[in-house]
């Protein structure tokens, strides 16, 4: 198995529960079970923050046009990576647990009608009856106490955004989370070490968050059938004459020193390296002739979930608070807008001082899709995506937040993303697609053209979920693994 994010973690647990010995190869390092403070906060990032870079690259790149968020650091196997293409960058987690280590914990279930439109081959009632509840339970999803929300200091910024959205006639909703809201309450009381209230989020959380290393992967390890090898980057997949797959991986240490090139054989291969990783591995295998029978659909159907970040300037009498929870708990739900549907999470700016800034990550319904190709010269996947393809997402976000600005007599912030851009859509935290379900694979993630080769992650979803996607990825993996286990898998030799 390649990768350890949401889809891979589901596969690991369900395979090992069935008694199948499973080897997981993870590109990053393990962040659990070590020092009491594995991760660094956003205010003082160090080498633990960023994957082999000399400077951090936070999404909020400036404040009053000054770069106050980023620091020069030592190159190291940090937890957050940004993969840059010509006109789009993608943030991904590096480590055991993948994106669960670096996301905002927002565990949102998508709209039924939109899921049916996005994945027409999926039995939607079954997803909501069986697989979403199973995923939520395993992930440890919980809800905020609405009474506490109304009085706590941590979410003054969210209450202000709610009031301003309601003034514009827009609906808001609490969002479930895999951050323990009871722990957060105790953080504010001062009875436990702070994490969400210590500006810990994009570089990992030392407390409070139920990341995959504490849920699915911990359960899989307890079976005794899972082995995880970290700092192994798989580069090649080959099919042997006997039907087994051989993987070639680079093993490094946390400083980037090459320790060796390893080869692993397996009867059955599950790809869970994420939209970028799984797609690139299959593209490389197809274009170099190692898996020449892969579908031409591999590399297609990519999208960034319509992500747009923006900020608004508040009046001096509308304060957002010096103490802000880094875990969002509220969203603006304008998805029923027939022309410009938007779901926008109310994001924190946890810098420890009053900023009078309201920040949002808007998820929009952008129908544009990109595609990947393989570049032989760089031995990597290249994303074909243009700024023009991102414009529908900006248009949707602008339509919603123009309403809020008009109702509150406020304006956009122009100092947050370099230059004077009020909207930032040149990066995404939600990469989706590249190996789309029922196109590049069958209806259950079996890769077309090859037996015993599966994709389990966000590469299966064509570009959009309308909400933060990790619950959908998890539930889809639960659905697919249930079928694969019933029809394909028996406890036999699995790796060597």
Protein backbone atom coordinates (compact mmCIF):
# COMPACT_ATOMS: atom_id res chain seq x y z
CA UNK A 1 0.00 0.00 0.00
CA UNK A 2 1.28 3.44 -0.94
CA UNK A 3 0.38 6.43 1.25
CA UNK A 4 -1.32 6.79 4.63
CA UNK A 5 -4.06 9.39 4.10
CA UNK A 6 -7.80 8.87 4.42
CA UNK A 7 -8.36 6.28 1.70
CA UNK A 8 -5.20 4.35 2.53
CA UNK A 9 -6.04 4.34 6.23
CA UNK A 10 -9.47 2.84 5.53
CA UNK A 11 -7.91 0.17 3.33
CA UNK A 12 -5.29 -0.61 5.99
CA UNK A 13 -7.88 -1.11 8.71
CA UNK A 14 -10.30 -3.20 6.68
CA UNK A 15 -7.55 -5.39 5.20
CA UNK A 16 -5.87 -6.04 8.54
CA UNK A 17 -9.21 -6.75 10.23
CA UNK A 18 -9.64 -9.45 7.58
CA UNK A 19 -6.28 -10.93 8.54
CA UNK A 20 -4.38 -9.68 5.48
CA UNK A 21 -0.72 -8.76 6.22
CA UNK A 22 -0.32 -5.21 4.95
CA UNK A 23 2.75 -3.10 4.30
CA UNK A 24 2.23 0.67 4.11
CA UNK A 25 4.92 2.83 2.49
CA UNK A 26 4.74 6.49 3.57
CA UNK A 27 6.78 9.30 2.05
CA UNK A 28 6.87 11.38 5.26
CA UNK A 29 7.82 10.58 8.81
CA UNK A 30 5.83 9.47 11.84
CA UNK A 31 4.74 12.33 14.06
CA UNK A 32 3.24 10.31 16.91
CA UNK A 33 4.80 8.48 19.80
CA UNK A 34 7.83 10.76 19.98
CA UNK A 35 8.55 14.01 21.79
CA UNK A 36 5.76 15.64 23.79
CA UNK A 37 5.57 18.47 21.25
CA UNK A 38 6.07 17.01 17.80
CA UNK A 39 4.63 19.92 15.85
CA UNK A 40 5.39 23.62 15.74
CA UNK A 41 2.80 26.39 15.74
CA UNK A 42 2.03 28.89 13.02
CA UNK A 43 3.50 31.86 14.87
CA UNK A 44 7.04 30.47 15.16
CA UNK A 45 7.47 27.82 12.48
CA UNK A 46 10.71 25.87 12.31
CA UNK A 47 12.07 22.98 10.26
CA UNK A 48 9.23 20.70 11.42
CA UNK A 49 6.76 22.85 9.50
CA UNK A 50 7.71 22.41 5.85
CA UNK A 51 8.78 19.56 3.59
CA UNK A 52 12.41 20.17 2.51
CA UNK A 53 12.23 23.92 1.99
CA UNK A 54 14.43 26.79 3.07
CA UNK A 55 11.46 29.02 3.88
CA UNK A 56 7.91 28.35 5.01
CA UNK A 57 5.12 29.01 2.51
CA UNK A 58 1.94 29.79 4.44
CA UNK A 59 -1.26 30.36 2.44
CA UNK A 60 -1.82 33.78 4.05
CA UNK A 61 1.33 35.28 2.61
CA UNK A 62 1.21 38.87 3.89
CA UNK A 63 -0.44 41.31 6.27
CA UNK A 64 -0.41 45.00 5.39
CA UNK A 65 1.76 43.79 2.48
CA UNK A 66 4.44 42.57 4.91
CA UNK A 67 5.41 38.91 5.04
CA UNK A 68 4.92 38.30 8.74
CA UNK A 69 3.88 34.63 8.54
CA UNK A 70 6.93 33.00 6.98
CA UNK A 71 10.37 32.19 8.35
CA UNK A 72 13.69 30.97 7.00
CA UNK A 73 14.16 27.39 8.16
CA UNK A 74 16.51 24.42 7.90
CA UNK A 75 15.67 21.87 5.20
CA UNK A 76 13.96 18.94 6.86
CA UNK A 77 11.19 16.38 6.38
CA UNK A 78 8.51 18.73 7.69
CA UNK A 79 4.80 18.03 7.81
CA UNK A 80 3.40 20.42 5.17
CA UNK A 81 4.38 20.46 1.51
CA UNK A 82 3.34 22.79 -1.28
CA UNK A 83 3.60 21.33 -4.76
CA UNK A 84 3.87 24.10 -7.34
CA UNK A 85 2.63 23.86 -10.92
CA UNK A 86 2.56 26.65 -13.49
CA UNK A 87 -0.68 28.32 -12.35
CA UNK A 88 -1.73 26.29 -9.32
CA UNK A 89 -0.14 25.13 -6.07
CA UNK A 90 -1.38 22.25 -3.94
CA UNK A 91 -0.87 21.89 -0.19
CA UNK A 92 -0.44 18.30 1.02
CA UNK A 93 0.43 16.65 4.32
CA UNK A 94 3.64 14.65 4.68
CA UNK A 95 3.68 12.02 7.39
CA UNK A 96 1.81 9.05 8.77
CA UNK A 97 -1.75 10.28 8.52
CA UNK A 98 -1.31 12.39 5.38
CA UNK A 99 -3.65 15.35 5.08
CA UNK A 100 -5.30 14.61 8.43
CA UNK A 101 -2.20 16.06 10.09
CA UNK A 102 -2.49 19.52 8.51
CA UNK A 103 -6.16 20.21 7.79
CA UNK A 104 -8.67 22.28 9.78
CA UNK A 105 -10.54 19.16 10.98
CA UNK A 106 -13.85 20.23 9.32
CA UNK A 107 -15.74 16.95 8.93
CA UNK A 108 -18.53 17.99 6.58
CA UNK A 109 -20.84 15.58 4.76
CA UNK A 110 -21.74 16.73 1.22
CA UNK A 111 -25.21 17.46 -0.10
CA UNK A 112 -27.00 14.33 -1.33
CA UNK A 113 -27.97 15.86 -4.65
CA UNK A 114 -24.45 17.07 -5.32
CA UNK A 115 -22.88 13.73 -4.41
CA UNK A 116 -25.30 12.01 -6.81
CA UNK A 117 -24.29 14.43 -9.55
CA UNK A 118 -20.56 14.08 -8.84
CA UNK A 119 -20.47 10.27 -8.51
CA UNK A 120 -23.42 8.95 -10.55
CA UNK A 121 -22.27 5.32 -10.23
CA UNK A 122 -22.60 5.40 -6.44
CA UNK A 123 -25.72 4.29 -4.54
CA UNK A 124 -26.30 7.57 -2.69
CA UNK A 125 -28.91 6.32 -0.16
CA UNK A 126 -26.52 3.51 0.81
CA UNK A 127 -23.71 6.03 1.31
CA UNK A 128 -25.80 8.06 3.77
CA UNK A 129 -27.32 5.01 5.42
CA UNK A 130 -24.12 3.01 5.90
CA UNK A 131 -20.80 4.44 4.79
CA UNK A 132 -20.98 8.06 5.96
CA UNK A 133 -22.07 7.02 9.49
CA UNK A 134 -19.30 4.40 9.60
CA UNK A 135 -16.70 6.93 8.46
CA UNK A 136 -17.85 9.58 10.95
CA UNK A 137 -17.73 7.09 13.80
CA UNK A 138 -14.23 5.83 12.96
CA UNK A 139 -12.92 9.37 12.43
CA UNK A 140 -14.26 10.53 15.79
CA UNK A 141 -16.46 13.32 14.45
CA UNK A 142 -18.08 15.52 17.12
CA UNK A 143 -20.22 18.68 17.28
CA UNK A 144 -19.65 21.93 19.13
CA UNK A 145 -21.87 22.75 22.10
CA UNK A 146 -23.94 25.65 20.71
CA UNK A 147 -24.41 27.21 24.16
CA UNK A 148 -20.67 27.30 24.75
CA UNK A 149 -20.13 28.71 21.26
CA UNK A 150 -22.28 31.72 22.17
CA UNK A 151 -20.19 32.70 25.18
CA UNK A 152 -16.61 31.50 24.61
CA UNK A 153 -13.74 33.80 23.69
CA UNK A 154 -12.37 31.36 21.09
CA UNK A 155 -15.09 31.97 18.50
CA UNK A 156 -15.80 35.71 18.78
CA UNK A 157 -14.46 35.97 15.23
CA UNK A 158 -16.99 33.40 14.00
CA UNK A 159 -19.90 35.03 15.82
CA UNK A 160 -19.07 38.32 14.13
CA UNK A 161 -19.02 36.69 10.69
CA UNK A 162 -22.33 34.98 11.47
CA UNK A 163 -23.96 38.29 12.37
CA UNK A 164 -22.66 39.92 9.21
CA UNK A 165 -23.79 37.00 7.01
CA UNK A 166 -27.27 37.04 8.53
CA UNK A 167 -27.51 40.76 7.93
CA UNK A 168 -26.97 39.96 4.24
CA UNK A 169 -29.71 37.31 4.31
CA UNK A 170 -27.29 34.37 4.18
CA UNK A 171 -27.56 31.18 6.21
CA UNK A 172 -24.84 29.86 8.49
CA UNK A 173 -24.31 26.42 9.97
CA UNK A 174 -22.16 24.79 12.60
CA UNK A 175 -19.70 22.32 11.10
CA UNK A 176 -18.73 19.00 12.67
CA UNK A 177 -15.07 18.42 13.45
CA UNK A 178 -12.50 15.78 14.27
CA UNK A 179 -11.03 18.22 16.77
CA UNK A 180 -12.26 17.37 20.26
CA UNK A 181 -14.49 20.31 21.21
CA UNK A 182 -14.49 19.23 24.87
CA UNK A 183 -10.69 19.49 24.82
CA UNK A 184 -11.02 22.94 23.23
CA UNK A 185 -13.33 24.06 26.03
CA UNK A 186 -10.73 22.93 28.57
CA UNK A 187 -8.03 24.78 26.61
CA UNK A 188 -9.94 28.01 27.09
CA UNK A 189 -10.43 27.20 30.79
CA UNK A 190 -6.67 26.72 31.10
CA UNK A 191 -6.83 23.15 32.44
CA UNK A 192 -5.00 21.42 29.54
CA UNK A 193 -2.12 22.32 27.22
CA UNK A 194 -3.22 24.53 24.34
CA UNK A 195 -3.20 23.44 20.72
CA UNK A 196 -6.08 24.97 18.73
CA UNK A 197 -5.69 28.03 20.97
CA UNK A 198 -1.92 28.06 20.41
CA UNK A 199 -2.19 28.64 16.65
CA UNK A 200 -1.60 24.99 15.82
CA UNK A 201 -3.27 23.83 12.62
CA UNK A 202 -1.47 23.91 9.25
CA UNK A 203 1.76 22.52 10.73
CA UNK A 204 -0.01 19.90 12.86
CA UNK A 205 -1.71 19.74 16.27
CA UNK A 206 -0.01 18.39 19.37
CA UNK A 207 -3.32 17.93 21.19
CA UNK A 208 -7.01 17.75 20.52
CA UNK A 209 -7.17 16.62 16.90
CA UNK A 210 -8.22 13.07 16.02
CA UNK A 211 -5.90 12.60 13.07
CA UNK A 212 -5.65 9.25 11.29
CA UNK A 213 -2.65 8.09 13.29
CA UNK A 214 -4.96 8.15 16.32
CA UNK A 215 -8.03 6.59 14.66
CA UNK A 216 -7.97 4.31 11.62
CA UNK A 217 -4.24 3.68 11.59
CA UNK A 218 -4.01 3.10 15.33
CA UNK A 219 -6.78 0.50 15.04
CA UNK A 220 -5.04 -1.16 12.10
CA UNK A 221 -1.76 -1.38 14.00
CA UNK A 222 -3.53 -3.01 16.93
CA UNK A 223 -4.49 -5.96 14.71
CA UNK A 224 -0.81 -6.88 14.39
CA UNK A 225 -1.10 -7.17 10.61
CA UNK A 226 0.03 -3.66 9.61
CA UNK A 227 3.64 -2.62 9.06
CA UNK A 228 4.40 1.04 8.28
CA UNK A 229 7.70 2.08 6.73
CA UNK A 230 8.22 5.83 6.77
CA UNK A 231 10.38 8.09 4.62
CA UNK A 232 9.90 5.74 1.67
CA UNK A 233 8.96 7.47 -1.58
CA UNK A 234 7.68 5.03 -4.19
CA UNK A 235 8.80 6.03 -7.67
CA UNK A 236 8.03 3.06 -9.91
CA UNK A 237 5.39 0.34 -10.24
CA UNK A 238 6.01 -2.70 -12.44
CA UNK A 239 3.93 -5.76 -13.22
CA UNK A 240 5.92 -8.99 -13.10
CA UNK A 241 5.20 -12.01 -15.37
CA UNK A 242 3.69 -13.89 -12.41
CA UNK A 243 1.11 -11.14 -11.86
CA UNK A 244 2.78 -9.60 -8.81
CA UNK A 245 3.66 -5.95 -8.60
CA UNK A 246 7.15 -4.67 -7.82
CA UNK A 247 7.59 -1.24 -6.24
CA UNK A 248 10.82 0.74 -6.32
CA UNK A 249 11.17 3.25 -3.48
CA UNK A 250 13.76 5.76 -2.33
CA UNK A 251 14.46 5.58 1.40
CA UNK A 252 15.75 8.78 3.03
CA UNK A 253 16.32 10.09 6.52
CA UNK A 254 14.67 13.18 8.00
CA UNK A 255 17.48 15.38 6.66
CA UNK A 256 16.98 14.14 3.10
CA UNK A 257 20.01 11.87 2.89
CA UNK A 258 19.42 8.95 0.53
CA UNK A 259 19.79 5.72 2.49
CA UNK A 260 19.09 3.39 -0.37
CA UNK A 261 16.73 2.24 -3.09
CA UNK A 262 14.40 -0.54 -1.98
CA UNK A 263 12.23 -2.96 -3.95
CA UNK A 264 9.04 -4.53 -2.64
CA UNK A 265 6.84 -7.19 -4.18
CA UNK A 266 3.12 -7.57 -3.59
CA UNK A 267 0.21 -9.65 -4.84
CA UNK A 268 -2.18 -6.76 -4.48
CA UNK A 269 -1.47 -3.02 -4.60
CA UNK A 270 -3.58 -0.22 -3.11
CA UNK A 271 -2.73 3.36 -4.09
CA UNK A 272 -3.58 5.91 -1.40
CA UNK A 273 -0.99 8.58 -2.13
CA UNK A 274 -3.59 11.27 -2.76
CA UNK A 275 -4.81 12.96 -5.91
CA UNK A 276 -1.31 14.09 -6.88
CA UNK A 277 0.66 11.05 -5.75
CA UNK A 278 -1.56 8.26 -7.06
CA UNK A 279 -2.09 10.03 -10.37
CA UNK A 280 1.62 10.65 -10.91
CA UNK A 281 2.54 7.05 -10.12
CA UNK A 282 0.06 5.69 -12.65
CA UNK A 283 0.98 8.27 -15.30
CA UNK A 284 4.67 7.43 -14.94
CA UNK A 285 3.93 3.71 -15.16
CA UNK A 286 1.82 4.17 -18.30
CA UNK A 287 4.13 6.57 -20.13
CA UNK A 288 7.32 4.64 -19.36
CA UNK A 289 5.76 1.39 -20.55
CA UNK A 290 5.72 -0.38 -17.19
CA UNK A 291 1.91 -0.45 -17.15
CA UNK A 292 1.11 0.40 -20.76
CA UNK A 293 -2.47 -0.87 -20.60
CA UNK A 294 -3.66 1.88 -18.26
CA UNK A 295 -6.64 3.88 -19.48
CA UNK A 296 -6.23 7.24 -21.20
CA UNK A 297 -8.60 8.50 -18.48
CA UNK A 298 -5.69 8.43 -16.02
CA UNK A 299 -4.68 12.06 -15.43
CA UNK A 300 -8.10 13.54 -16.20
CA UNK A 301 -10.89 15.06 -14.12
CA UNK A 302 -8.75 17.10 -11.71
CA UNK A 303 -10.06 20.04 -9.70
CA UNK A 304 -9.19 22.04 -6.59
CA UNK A 305 -12.71 21.85 -5.09
CA UNK A 306 -13.32 25.43 -6.18
CA UNK A 307 -11.17 26.83 -3.34
CA UNK A 308 -10.97 30.61 -2.96
CA UNK A 309 -9.51 32.45 0.03
CA UNK A 310 -10.46 36.05 0.81
CA UNK A 311 -10.49 38.56 3.62
CA UNK A 312 -12.77 41.42 4.67
CA UNK A 313 -11.89 44.54 6.66
CA UNK A 314 -14.15 45.12 9.67
CA UNK A 315 -15.10 48.41 11.29
CA UNK A 316 -13.12 49.36 14.39
CA UNK A 317 -16.09 48.60 16.63
CA UNK A 318 -16.36 45.05 15.20
CA UNK A 319 -13.50 43.18 16.84
CA UNK A 320 -12.64 39.57 16.06
CA UNK A 321 -10.76 38.83 19.29
CA UNK A 322 -7.15 38.20 20.22
CA UNK A 323 -7.82 34.58 21.21
CA UNK A 324 -9.03 32.58 18.21
CA UNK A 325 -9.52 28.85 17.81
CA UNK A 326 -7.53 27.61 14.84
CA UNK A 327 -10.23 24.96 14.25
CA UNK A 328 -13.13 26.45 12.25
CA UNK A 329 -16.60 25.70 13.64
CA UNK A 330 -18.92 27.74 11.43
CA UNK A 331 -19.68 27.95 7.73
CA UNK A 332 -21.71 30.28 5.51
CA UNK A 333 -24.04 28.07 3.47
CA UNK A 334 -25.10 29.67 0.20
CA UNK A 335 -25.04 26.43 -1.80
CA UNK A 336 -28.68 26.85 -2.88
CA UNK A 337 -27.81 29.95 -4.89
CA UNK A 338 -28.81 28.87 -8.42
CA UNK A 339 -26.06 30.88 -10.13
CA UNK A 340 -23.18 31.06 -7.65
CA UNK A 341 -23.34 28.29 -5.00
CA UNK A 342 -20.80 28.74 -2.18
CA UNK A 343 -19.98 27.04 1.10
CA UNK A 344 -17.49 29.23 2.99
CA UNK A 345 -15.76 28.25 6.19
CA UNK A 346 -15.11 31.09 8.60
CA UNK A 347 -11.36 30.84 9.04
CA UNK A 348 -9.27 32.09 11.97
CA UNK A 349 -6.36 34.53 12.01
CA UNK A 350 -4.77 33.28 15.26
CA UNK A 351 -1.92 35.77 15.56
CA UNK A 352 -2.62 36.75 19.17
CA UNK A 353 -3.54 40.39 18.49
CA UNK A 354 -6.67 42.13 17.25
CA UNK A 355 -6.64 42.34 13.44
CA UNK A 356 -10.19 43.48 12.54
CA UNK A 357 -9.89 40.92 9.76
CA UNK A 358 -12.47 38.30 8.78
CA UNK A 359 -10.95 35.49 6.72
CA UNK A 360 -12.75 32.82 4.70
CA UNK A 361 -12.00 29.73 2.65
CA UNK A 362 -14.81 29.51 0.12
CA UNK A 363 -15.66 26.24 -1.63
CA UNK A 364 -17.43 26.91 -4.91
CA UNK A 365 -18.99 24.88 -7.68
CA UNK A 366 -16.42 25.33 -10.42
CA UNK A 367 -17.12 22.99 -13.37
CA UNK A 368 -13.65 23.48 -14.87
CA UNK A 369 -11.32 20.47 -14.79
CA UNK A 370 -7.59 20.15 -15.29
CA UNK A 371 -5.54 17.23 -16.51
CA UNK A 372 -2.12 15.81 -15.77
CA UNK A 373 0.52 14.78 -18.26
CA UNK A 374 3.85 13.08 -17.70
CA UNK A 375 6.99 15.14 -18.30
CA UNK A 376 9.84 12.80 -19.21
CA UNK A 377 12.49 15.50 -18.70
CA UNK A 378 11.56 16.05 -15.05
CA UNK A 379 10.14 12.57 -14.46
CA UNK A 380 7.05 14.14 -12.92
CA UNK A 381 3.39 14.89 -13.55
CA UNK A 382 2.56 18.33 -14.87
CA UNK A 383 -0.83 19.93 -14.29
CA UNK A 384 -2.58 21.63 -17.17
CA UNK A 385 -4.64 24.30 -15.40
CA UNK A 386 -4.98 27.98 -16.28
CA UNK A 387 -5.92 31.06 -14.30
CA UNK A 388 -8.95 31.44 -16.58
CA UNK A 389 -10.25 28.07 -15.35
CA UNK A 390 -10.26 29.42 -11.81
CA UNK A 391 -12.33 32.48 -12.65
CA UNK A 392 -15.75 30.84 -12.08
CA UNK A 393 -14.72 30.16 -8.48
CA UNK A 394 -13.73 33.80 -7.94
CA UNK A 395 -16.98 34.97 -9.52
CA UNK A 396 -19.01 32.80 -7.14
CA UNK A 397 -17.10 33.90 -4.04
CA UNK A 398 -17.36 37.54 -5.09
CA UNK A 399 -21.12 37.32 -5.59
CA UNK A 400 -21.62 36.00 -2.05
CA UNK A 401 -19.20 38.32 -0.28
CA UNK A 402 -20.27 41.39 -2.23
CA UNK A 403 -23.64 40.84 -0.55
CA UNK A 404 -22.00 40.70 2.87
CA UNK A 405 -19.93 43.80 2.21
CA UNK A 406 -22.95 45.77 0.97
CA UNK A 407 -25.05 44.78 3.98
CA UNK A 408 -22.29 45.70 6.46
CA UNK A 409 -20.67 48.60 4.60
CA UNK A 410 -17.33 46.82 4.62
CA UNK A 411 -14.66 46.20 2.00
CA UNK A 412 -12.27 43.45 0.94
CA UNK A 413 -8.69 43.27 2.18
CA UNK A 414 -6.14 43.74 -0.60
CA UNK A 415 -2.95 43.13 1.40
CA UNK A 416 -3.12 39.40 2.17
CA UNK A 417 -1.97 37.46 -0.89
CA UNK A 418 0.82 39.48 -2.44
CA UNK A 419 0.14 42.40 -4.77
CA UNK A 420 -3.40 43.71 -4.43
CA UNK A 421 -5.46 40.56 -5.10
CA UNK A 422 -8.60 40.43 -2.93
CA UNK A 423 -9.20 36.77 -3.89
CA UNK A 424 -6.63 33.97 -3.86
CA UNK A 425 -7.39 30.87 -5.91
CA UNK A 426 -3.87 29.99 -7.03
CA UNK A 427 -3.63 27.26 -4.40
CA UNK A 428 -5.84 24.52 -3.02
CA UNK A 429 -5.97 22.37 0.09
CA UNK A 430 -8.51 20.05 -1.56
CA UNK A 431 -6.98 18.35 -4.63
CA UNK A 432 -9.42 15.87 -6.20
CA UNK A 433 -9.43 13.71 -9.30
CA UNK A 434 -6.90 12.30 -11.71
CA UNK A 435 -8.02 8.66 -11.51
CA UNK A 436 -11.78 9.15 -11.62
CA UNK A 437 -14.15 6.46 -10.36
CA UNK A 438 -15.99 4.52 -13.08
CA UNK A 439 -13.71 6.05 -15.74
CA UNK A 440 -10.05 5.30 -15.01
CA UNK A 441 -11.27 2.64 -12.58
CA UNK A 442 -14.38 0.54 -12.29
CA UNK A 443 -17.18 1.59 -9.95
CA UNK A 444 -15.21 0.38 -6.90
CA UNK A 445 -11.70 1.74 -7.50
CA UNK A 446 -10.24 -1.22 -9.39
CA UNK A 447 -7.84 0.27 -11.95
CA UNK A 448 -8.95 -0.58 -15.48
CA UNK A 449 -6.61 -2.83 -17.41
CA UNK A 450 -4.94 -4.50 -14.43
CA UNK A 451 -5.98 -7.01 -11.78
CA UNK A 452 -5.38 -6.46 -8.08
CA UNK A 453 -4.55 -2.78 -8.55
CA UNK A 454 -6.74 -0.31 -6.66
CA UNK A 455 -7.05 3.43 -5.97
CA UNK A 456 -8.59 4.38 -2.61
CA UNK A 457 -8.11 8.15 -2.26
CA UNK A 458 -9.31 11.55 -3.49
CA UNK A 459 -8.01 10.83 -6.99
CA UNK A 460 -11.30 8.95 -7.50
CA UNK A 461 -13.48 12.06 -7.05
CA UNK A 462 -13.81 14.31 -10.12
CA UNK A 463 -12.68 17.68 -8.88
CA UNK A 464 -15.31 18.73 -6.35
CA UNK A 465 -17.37 17.69 -3.33
CA UNK A 466 -18.89 21.08 -2.45
CA UNK A 467 -17.52 20.85 1.09
CA UNK A 468 -14.26 19.88 2.78
CA UNK A 469 -13.68 16.48 1.15
CA UNK A 470 -12.08 14.15 3.69
CA UNK A 471 -15.30 12.64 5.05
CA UNK A 472 -16.41 11.88 1.48
CA UNK A 473 -13.04 10.29 0.65
CA UNK A 474 -13.26 8.17 3.81
CA UNK A 475 -16.85 7.04 3.21
CA UNK A 476 -16.14 6.25 -0.45
CA UNK A 477 -13.14 4.15 0.59
CA UNK A 478 -15.33 2.30 3.11
CA UNK A 479 -17.82 1.54 0.33
CA UNK A 480 -15.18 0.37 -2.11
CA UNK A 481 -13.24 -1.74 0.38
CA UNK A 482 -16.39 -3.52 1.46
CA UNK A 483 -16.91 -4.73 -2.12
CA UNK A 484 -13.24 -5.46 -2.79
CA UNK A 485 -12.90 -7.51 0.40
CA UNK A 486 -16.01 -9.51 -0.43
CA UNK A 487 -15.03 -10.27 -4.01
CA UNK A 488 -11.24 -10.05 -4.39
CA UNK A 489 -9.26 -10.38 -1.19
CA UNK A 490 -8.24 -13.47 0.75
CA UNK A 491 -5.68 -13.65 3.53
CA UNK A 492 -2.70 -14.75 1.46
CA UNK A 493 0.88 -13.65 1.03
CA UNK A 494 0.74 -9.90 0.50
CA UNK A 495 4.20 -8.39 0.43
CA UNK A 496 7.86 -9.20 0.56
